[in-house]
Amino acid sequence: MPQLTLSTVFYLTLATILWAANAIAGRALVGSISPVTLSTVRWGLAALILLPLGWRVFRSSSALWQNKVRFIVLALLGVGSYNVLLYLALQTSTAINVTLIGASMPIWMLLIGTFFYQVKPRLLQLVGAIISLVGVIVVLTRGEPASLLTMEVVMGDLFIMLATILWAFYSWMISRPGQSTERQWPWAEFLMAQVMIGFLWTMLFDSVEIATGHAFIDLNYWTGALILFVAIGPSLIAYRCWGLGVSGAGPTVAAFFANLIPLFTALLSAAILGDPPQLFHGLAFALIVIGILISSSRNHT
């Protein structure tokens, strides 16, 4: 049975900090590089950096080839689609809003576990997930629930919601026993397979952006430094930590750690982008924390 050890808490927390920084960097790069091109360059660099450690996964004797369909799907969900959708979302939504909407992950994780993996959630997990979802609704309505009747959903909100659902599927896939989980592979090879195949997926998506004339990049020292950061921190380090964290705690518990991302994003956003959180963000934070506390409690159901 998965256990929440100190090391697991560290892995999951570090991943959320780095992904919060990724949202800040992605927002800062708006106007300097197109979103799909950013994802392609990011994962291309990550693949090159990881190649000296993980190249053995491409040998003919590697178990990758017996699990190729599984890794194609893993890479599509975790590296390809999620990150493209994230950067697309940041074109029309703020970093704080994007990460807060991503806080709906626990409820998607519980639903997917129930319907696709036959894992029955505990009552308190359901209650906590619903409270977290209420926090997301606070963000979507900008703190005015009555606006649900007339609200216009920003396209970025839809992009990040879809990305969150796909990430929930990804987390369940990497946690299933008896399959190609993080702990059953040399970590560099397990990550290398996802990064390289994910890079191929983003190249496919980028070809559409290029063909439609929407691809661009304005490369300078600042944008280069930010791109290098997202290729190392939120990509290699965070994905490694998340894989270890999910393997140790299980996907459902790990999902509630993702609710820390909005907190770290708000702090970084206020310090770097001059985009301080509003009062309704504070209410959303409170609801998310309550959801985490309730979901972490143990009952006898």
Foldseek 3Di string as FASTA:
>chain_A
DFDDDPLLLVLLLLLLLLVLVVLVLLLVCQVFWQLLVLLLLLLVVLLVVLCVPAVVCPDPPHCCVVCVVVLLLLLCLPRALLRSLSSVLSNWDHSLLLLLLLLLLLVLLQVCCVPPVVDHADPLSNVLSVLLVVLNCCSQQVNDNVCVVPDDGDPSSVSSNVSSNSVSVSLQSQQDPPDPHCVVDDNSNVLSSSSVSSSVSSVVVVVVCVVVPNTDHNDDPVSVVSSNSCSPRNRPSSVSSSRVSCNRRNSNLSSLSSNCSSVSNQVVCVVPVVPHDDPSNVVSNVSSVVSNVSSPDDDDD
